[in-house]
């Protein structure tokens, strides 16, 4: 395959802002750069089956206790994707993520985030990602898995308290000491099955 003329094409970003009272704001968005080159490589047959169910999930989420200011901007043809909401506490955030992922919570399902006064923990959610990819047969829609190198996943935490330590070497504490960013290519996640467990200490 001819090398692409850009180093980064698409970033899928999850950004969580946690206030001192442990309420906060969640946002998932796409940030695109050089997307035309990738589309030429991928062709026009890529589909996202989950988007067909998203409107109903958002409707349910709009009346979920502890969730407010829900916003959505999705235009597939223009590669615009943004979902955001405010959450009252850890329980409300995790229930919202279960709803968006179509997962029925039970004692065996990991929380998306554990939010405490002096620590935030994100478990390794890669096994769930692998299951979704397998169930939807998503890899077969790609002409080459090399393209996964140009799609990145970024996880950002904004904390009201100073971040002192992070367990994962891929997680970088920013200069303000209140923002942390971790980044993986989709190849890291899907092909190499990297462990994304992260413990943040404030």
C-alpha atoms as a PDB file:
ATOM      1  CA  UNK A   1       0.000   0.000   0.000  1.00  0.00           C
ATOM      2  CA  UNK A   2       1.257   3.441  -0.853  1.00  0.00           C
ATOM      3  CA  UNK A   3       2.232   5.374   2.254  1.00  0.00           C
ATOM      4  CA  UNK A   4      -0.250   8.011   3.309  1.00  0.00           C
ATOM      5  CA  UNK A   5       0.975  11.583   3.116  1.00  0.00           C
ATOM      6  CA  UNK A   6       0.001  12.453   6.688  1.00  0.00           C
ATOM      7  CA  UNK A   7       1.004  11.191  10.101  1.00  0.00           C
ATOM      8  CA  UNK A   8      -2.414  11.386  11.703  1.00  0.00           C
ATOM      9  CA  UNK A   9      -5.849  11.187  10.184  1.00  0.00           C
ATOM     10  CA  UNK A  10      -8.544  10.638  12.786  1.00  0.00           C
ATOM     11  CA  UNK A  11      -8.520  10.990  16.558  1.00  0.00           C
ATOM     12  CA  UNK A  12     -11.387   9.513  18.557  1.00  0.00           C
ATOM     13  CA  UNK A  13     -11.309  11.551  21.756  1.00  0.00           C
ATOM     14  CA  UNK A  14     -12.958  10.824  25.088  1.00  0.00           C
ATOM     15  CA  UNK A  15     -12.630  13.739  27.487  1.00  0.00           C
ATOM     16  CA  UNK A  16     -13.818  13.663  31.080  1.00  0.00           C
ATOM     17  CA  UNK A  17     -13.795  16.696  33.356  1.00  0.00           C
ATOM     18  CA  UNK A  18     -14.139  15.963  37.080  1.00  0.00           C
ATOM     19  CA  UNK A  19     -15.077  18.720  39.525  1.00  0.00           C
ATOM     20  CA  UNK A  20     -14.229  18.825  43.226  1.00  0.00           C
ATOM     21  CA  UNK A  21     -17.664  17.461  44.155  1.00  0.00           C
ATOM     22  CA  UNK A  22     -17.033  14.539  41.721  1.00  0.00           C
ATOM     23  CA  UNK A  23     -19.681  15.652  39.258  1.00  0.00           C
ATOM     24  CA  UNK A  24     -18.441  16.546  35.810  1.00  0.00           C
ATOM     25  CA  UNK A  25     -18.694  16.639  32.036  1.00  0.00           C
ATOM     26  CA  UNK A  26     -18.189  13.892  29.440  1.00  0.00           C
ATOM     27  CA  UNK A  27     -17.510  14.353  25.734  1.00  0.00           C
ATOM     28  CA  UNK A  28     -16.766  11.950  22.881  1.00  0.00           C
ATOM     29  CA  UNK A  29     -15.729  13.505  19.571  1.00  0.00           C
ATOM     30  CA  UNK A  30     -13.886  12.931  16.334  1.00  0.00           C
ATOM     31  CA  UNK A  31     -11.006  15.193  15.383  1.00  0.00           C
ATOM     32  CA  UNK A  32     -10.063  14.748  11.737  1.00  0.00           C
ATOM     33  CA  UNK A  33      -7.034  15.747   9.670  1.00  0.00           C
ATOM     34  CA  UNK A  34      -6.224  14.676   6.122  1.00  0.00           C
ATOM     35  CA  UNK A  35      -9.378  12.610   6.017  1.00  0.00           C
ATOM     36  CA  UNK A  36      -9.681  12.736   2.242  1.00  0.00           C
ATOM     37  CA  UNK A  37      -6.557  10.630   1.843  1.00  0.00           C
ATOM     38  CA  UNK A  38      -7.879   7.966   4.159  1.00  0.00           C
ATOM     39  CA  UNK A  39     -11.254   7.856   2.433  1.00  0.00           C
ATOM     40  CA  UNK A  40      -9.522   7.223  -0.881  1.00  0.00           C
ATOM     41  CA  UNK A  41      -7.800   4.233   0.715  1.00  0.00           C
ATOM     42  CA  UNK A  42     -10.936   2.917   2.442  1.00  0.00           C
ATOM     43  CA  UNK A  43     -13.395   3.440  -0.377  1.00  0.00           C
ATOM     44  CA  UNK A  44     -17.071   4.265   0.163  1.00  0.00           C
ATOM     45  CA  UNK A  45     -18.282   0.996   1.670  1.00  0.00           C
ATOM     46  CA  UNK A  46     -17.521   1.692   5.322  1.00  0.00           C
ATOM     47  CA  UNK A  47     -20.639   1.567   7.448  1.00  0.00           C
ATOM     48  CA  UNK A  48     -21.233   2.053  11.165  1.00  0.00           C
ATOM     49  CA  UNK A  49     -24.145  -0.171  12.157  1.00  0.00           C
ATOM     50  CA  UNK A  50     -24.262   1.146  15.743  1.00  0.00           C
ATOM     51  CA  UNK A  51     -25.283   4.624  14.564  1.00  0.00           C
ATOM     52  CA  UNK A  52     -28.691   3.268  13.533  1.00  0.00           C
ATOM     53  CA  UNK A  53     -29.439   2.525  17.174  1.00  0.00           C
ATOM     54  CA  UNK A  54     -27.907   5.690  18.596  1.00  0.00           C
ATOM     55  CA  UNK A  55     -30.989   7.914  18.414  1.00  0.00           C
ATOM     56  CA  UNK A  56     -32.940   5.559  20.670  1.00  0.00           C
ATOM     57  CA  UNK A  57     -30.021   5.297  23.095  1.00  0.00           C
ATOM     58  CA  UNK A  58     -29.773   9.087  23.242  1.00  0.00           C
ATOM     59  CA  UNK A  59     -33.520   9.342  23.880  1.00  0.00           C
ATOM     60  CA  UNK A  60     -33.235   7.008  26.864  1.00  0.00           C
ATOM     61  CA  UNK A  61     -30.132   8.830  28.065  1.00  0.00           C
ATOM     62  CA  UNK A  62     -31.944  12.190  27.959  1.00  0.00           C
ATOM     63  CA  UNK A  63     -34.224  11.120  30.811  1.00  0.00           C
ATOM     64  CA  UNK A  64     -31.651   9.169  32.808  1.00  0.00           C
ATOM     65  CA  UNK A  65     -31.262  10.356  36.425  1.00  0.00           C
ATOM     66  CA  UNK A  66     -28.063  12.309  37.030  1.00  0.00           C
ATOM     67  CA  UNK A  67     -27.531  13.249  33.346  1.00  0.00           C
ATOM     68  CA  UNK A  68     -28.137  16.762  31.996  1.00  0.00           C
ATOM     69  CA  UNK A  69     -27.231  19.077  29.093  1.00  0.00           C
ATOM     70  CA  UNK A  70     -27.116  16.177  26.645  1.00  0.00           C
ATOM     71  CA  UNK A  71     -25.925  17.238  23.177  1.00  0.00           C
ATOM     72  CA  UNK A  72     -25.362  15.349  19.930  1.00  0.00           C
ATOM     73  CA  UNK A  73     -23.954  16.374  16.562  1.00  0.00           C
ATOM     74  CA  UNK A  74     -23.518  13.480  14.133  1.00  0.00           C
ATOM     75  CA  UNK A  75     -23.118  13.875  10.368  1.00  0.00           C
ATOM     76  CA  UNK A  76     -21.557  10.698   9.013  1.00  0.00           C
ATOM     77  CA  UNK A  77     -20.907  11.982   5.490  1.00  0.00           C
ATOM     78  CA  UNK A  78     -19.060  14.996   6.887  1.00  0.00           C
ATOM     79  CA  UNK A  79     -17.265  12.931   9.542  1.00  0.00           C
ATOM     80  CA  UNK A  80     -18.771  14.988  12.354  1.00  0.00           C
ATOM     81  CA  UNK A  81     -19.335  13.097  15.582  1.00  0.00           C
ATOM     82  CA  UNK A  82     -19.811  14.685  18.982  1.00  0.00           C
ATOM     83  CA  UNK A  83     -21.728  13.540  22.052  1.00  0.00           C
ATOM     84  CA  UNK A  84     -21.541  15.331  25.392  1.00  0.00           C
ATOM     85  CA  UNK A  85     -23.372  15.559  28.704  1.00  0.00           C
ATOM     86  CA  UNK A  86     -22.970  16.572  32.325  1.00  0.00           C
ATOM     87  CA  UNK A  87     -23.049  13.883  35.012  1.00  0.00           C
ATOM     88  CA  UNK A  88     -23.980  14.199  38.661  1.00  0.00           C
ATOM     89  CA  UNK A  89     -21.668  11.507  40.001  1.00  0.00           C
ATOM     90  CA  UNK A  90     -19.745   8.328  39.146  1.00  0.00           C
ATOM     91  CA  UNK A  91     -22.887   6.194  39.080  1.00  0.00           C
ATOM     92  CA  UNK A  92     -24.644   8.488  36.597  1.00  0.00           C
ATOM     93  CA  UNK A  93     -21.589   8.534  34.306  1.00  0.00           C
ATOM     94  CA  UNK A  94     -21.211   4.771  34.296  1.00  0.00           C
ATOM     95  CA  UNK A  95     -24.928   4.188  33.700  1.00  0.00           C
ATOM     96  CA  UNK A  96     -24.729   6.573  30.752  1.00  0.00           C
ATOM     97  CA  UNK A  97     -21.759   4.694  29.292  1.00  0.00           C
ATOM     98  CA  UNK A  98     -23.547   1.347  29.711  1.00  0.00           C
ATOM     99  CA  UNK A  99     -26.526   2.821  27.840  1.00  0.00           C
ATOM    100  CA  UNK A 100     -24.382   4.149  24.970  1.00  0.00           C
ATOM    101  CA  UNK A 101     -22.522   0.842  24.693  1.00  0.00           C
ATOM    102  CA  UNK A 102     -25.712  -1.213  24.837  1.00  0.00           C
ATOM    103  CA  UNK A 103     -24.481  -3.105  27.894  1.00  0.00           C
ATOM    104  CA  UNK A 104     -26.763  -4.327  30.677  1.00  0.00           C
ATOM    105  CA  UNK A 105     -24.929  -3.532  33.949  1.00  0.00           C
ATOM    106  CA  UNK A 106     -24.331  -6.362  36.394  1.00  0.00           C
ATOM    107  CA  UNK A 107     -21.740  -7.372  38.972  1.00  0.00           C
ATOM    108  CA  UNK A 108     -19.431  -8.788  36.288  1.00  0.00           C
ATOM    109  CA  UNK A 109     -19.354  -5.674  34.075  1.00  0.00           C
ATOM    110  CA  UNK A 110     -16.475  -3.288  34.744  1.00  0.00           C
ATOM    111  CA  UNK A 111     -17.145   0.376  35.382  1.00  0.00           C
ATOM    112  CA  UNK A 112     -16.056   2.796  32.670  1.00  0.00           C
ATOM    113  CA  UNK A 113     -14.501   4.990  35.363  1.00  0.00           C
ATOM    114  CA  UNK A 114     -14.138   4.813  39.126  1.00  0.00           C
ATOM    115  CA  UNK A 115     -14.081   8.365  40.462  1.00  0.00           C
ATOM    116  CA  UNK A 116     -12.985   9.011  44.033  1.00  0.00           C
ATOM    117  CA  UNK A 117     -11.733  12.106  45.848  1.00  0.00           C
ATOM    118  CA  UNK A 118      -8.055  11.261  45.462  1.00  0.00           C
ATOM    119  CA  UNK A 119      -8.003   8.803  42.576  1.00  0.00           C
ATOM    120  CA  UNK A 120      -9.556   7.969  39.235  1.00  0.00           C
ATOM    121  CA  UNK A 121      -9.349   4.448  37.815  1.00  0.00           C
ATOM    122  CA  UNK A 122     -10.107   3.330  34.287  1.00  0.00           C
ATOM    123  CA  UNK A 123     -10.011  -0.461  33.961  1.00  0.00           C
ATOM    124  CA  UNK A 124      -8.709  -2.220  30.881  1.00  0.00           C
ATOM    125  CA  UNK A 125     -11.736  -2.007  28.590  1.00  0.00           C
ATOM    126  CA  UNK A 126      -9.959  -3.542  25.595  1.00  0.00           C
ATOM    127  CA  UNK A 127     -11.726  -6.935  25.938  1.00  0.00           C
ATOM    128  CA  UNK A 128     -15.081  -5.152  25.433  1.00  0.00           C
ATOM    129  CA  UNK A 129     -13.678  -3.430  22.340  1.00  0.00           C
ATOM    130  CA  UNK A 130     -12.524  -6.774  20.944  1.00  0.00           C
ATOM    131  CA  UNK A 131     -15.990  -8.227  21.501  1.00  0.00           C
ATOM    132  CA  UNK A 132     -17.692  -5.340  19.653  1.00  0.00           C
ATOM    133  CA  UNK A 133     -15.287  -5.660  16.721  1.00  0.00           C
ATOM    134  CA  UNK A 134     -15.900  -9.389  16.504  1.00  0.00           C
ATOM    135  CA  UNK A 135     -19.691  -9.097  16.835  1.00  0.00           C
ATOM    136  CA  UNK A 136     -19.898  -6.426  14.126  1.00  0.00           C
ATOM    137  CA  UNK A 137     -17.202  -8.019  11.939  1.00  0.00           C
ATOM    138  CA  UNK A 138     -15.654  -4.570  11.579  1.00  0.00           C
ATOM    139  CA  UNK A 139     -12.156  -5.583  10.502  1.00  0.00           C
ATOM    140  CA  UNK A 140     -13.466  -7.139   7.298  1.00  0.00           C
ATOM    141  CA  UNK A 141     -14.686  -3.700   6.215  1.00  0.00           C
ATOM    142  CA  UNK A 142     -11.092  -2.454   6.010  1.00  0.00           C
ATOM    143  CA  UNK A 143      -8.994  -3.056   2.875  1.00  0.00           C
ATOM    144  CA  UNK A 144      -5.933  -3.285   5.140  1.00  0.00           C
ATOM    145  CA  UNK A 145      -5.327  -3.240   8.881  1.00  0.00           C
ATOM    146  CA  UNK A 146      -2.388  -0.890   8.148  1.00  0.00           C
ATOM    147  CA  UNK A 147      -4.965   1.902   8.096  1.00  0.00           C
ATOM    148  CA  UNK A 148      -5.477   1.437  11.833  1.00  0.00           C
ATOM    149  CA  UNK A 149      -2.092   3.096  12.349  1.00  0.00           C
ATOM    150  CA  UNK A 150      -3.648   6.385  11.232  1.00  0.00           C
ATOM    151  CA  UNK A 151      -6.613   6.275  13.587  1.00  0.00           C
ATOM    152  CA  UNK A 152      -5.903   7.201  17.196  1.00  0.00           C
ATOM    153  CA  UNK A 153      -7.768   6.951  20.479  1.00  0.00           C
ATOM    154  CA  UNK A 154      -7.163   9.720  22.994  1.00  0.00           C
ATOM    155  CA  UNK A 155      -8.385   9.695  26.577  1.00  0.00           C
ATOM    156  CA  UNK A 156      -8.257  13.022  28.425  1.00  0.00           C
ATOM    157  CA  UNK A 157      -8.900  13.663  32.105  1.00  0.00           C
ATOM    158  CA  UNK A 158      -9.325  17.195  33.438  1.00  0.00           C
ATOM    159  CA  UNK A 159      -9.197  17.255  37.230  1.00  0.00           C
ATOM    160  CA  UNK A 160     -10.111  20.013  39.677  1.00  0.00           C
ATOM    161  CA  UNK A 161      -7.333  18.668  41.879  1.00  0.00           C
ATOM    162  CA  UNK A 162      -3.641  18.437  40.996  1.00  0.00           C
ATOM    163  CA  UNK A 163      -2.686  15.137  39.371  1.00  0.00           C
ATOM    164  CA  UNK A 164       0.322  13.653  41.131  1.00  0.00           C
ATOM    165  CA  UNK A 165       0.836  10.280  39.459  1.00  0.00           C
ATOM    166  CA  UNK A 166      -0.432   8.026  36.667  1.00  0.00           C
ATOM    167  CA  UNK A 167       0.177   4.283  36.461  1.00  0.00           C
ATOM    168  CA  UNK A 168       0.282   3.903  32.671  1.00  0.00           C
ATOM    169  CA  UNK A 169       3.420   5.122  30.817  1.00  0.00           C
ATOM    170  CA  UNK A 170       1.215   6.164  27.884  1.00  0.00           C
ATOM    171  CA  UNK A 171      -0.569   8.665  30.149  1.00  0.00           C
ATOM    172  CA  UNK A 172       1.153  12.047  30.179  1.00  0.00           C
ATOM    173  CA  UNK A 173       0.454  14.625  32.895  1.00  0.00           C
ATOM    174  CA  UNK A 174       0.331  18.061  31.288  1.00  0.00           C
ATOM    175  CA  UNK A 175       2.203  21.136  32.528  1.00  0.00           C
ATOM    176  CA  UNK A 176      -0.819  22.519  34.404  1.00  0.00           C
ATOM    177  CA  UNK A 177      -0.829  19.334  36.542  1.00  0.00           C
ATOM    178  CA  UNK A 178      -4.610  19.107  36.165  1.00  0.00           C
ATOM    179  CA  UNK A 179      -4.874  17.514  32.722  1.00  0.00           C
ATOM    180  CA  UNK A 180      -3.752  14.053  31.657  1.00  0.00           C
ATOM    181  CA  UNK A 181      -3.708  12.682  28.102  1.00  0.00           C
ATOM    182  CA  UNK A 182      -3.160   9.108  26.950  1.00  0.00           C
ATOM    183  CA  UNK A 183      -3.035   8.158  23.282  1.00  0.00           C
ATOM    184  CA  UNK A 184      -3.032   4.876  21.355  1.00  0.00           C
ATOM    185  CA  UNK A 185      -3.339   4.035  17.701  1.00  0.00           C
ATOM    186  CA  UNK A 186      -6.195   1.699  16.828  1.00  0.00           C
ATOM    187  CA  UNK A 187      -3.508  -0.774  15.786  1.00  0.00           C
ATOM    188  CA  UNK A 188      -2.261  -0.720  19.392  1.00  0.00           C
ATOM    189  CA  UNK A 189      -5.754  -1.452  20.645  1.00  0.00           C
ATOM    190  CA  UNK A 190      -7.202  -3.803  18.055  1.00  0.00           C
ATOM    191  CA  UNK A 191      -4.235  -5.729  16.656  1.00  0.00           C
ATOM    192  CA  UNK A 192      -1.734  -5.557  19.520  1.00  0.00           C
ATOM    193  CA  UNK A 193      -4.495  -5.603  22.179  1.00  0.00           C
ATOM    194  CA  UNK A 194      -2.720  -3.150  24.470  1.00  0.00           C
ATOM    195  CA  UNK A 195      -3.819  -2.983  28.090  1.00  0.00           C
ATOM    196  CA  UNK A 196      -5.249   0.505  28.736  1.00  0.00           C
ATOM    197  CA  UNK A 197      -5.648   0.191  32.508  1.00  0.00           C
ATOM    198  CA  UNK A 198      -5.006   3.557  34.128  1.00  0.00           C
ATOM    199  CA  UNK A 199      -4.887   4.678  37.754  1.00  0.00           C
ATOM    200  CA  UNK A 200      -4.563   8.395  38.435  1.00  0.00           C
ATOM    201  CA  UNK A 201      -3.659   9.683  41.873  1.00  0.00           C
ATOM    202  CA  UNK A 202      -4.466  13.224  42.971  1.00  0.00           C
END
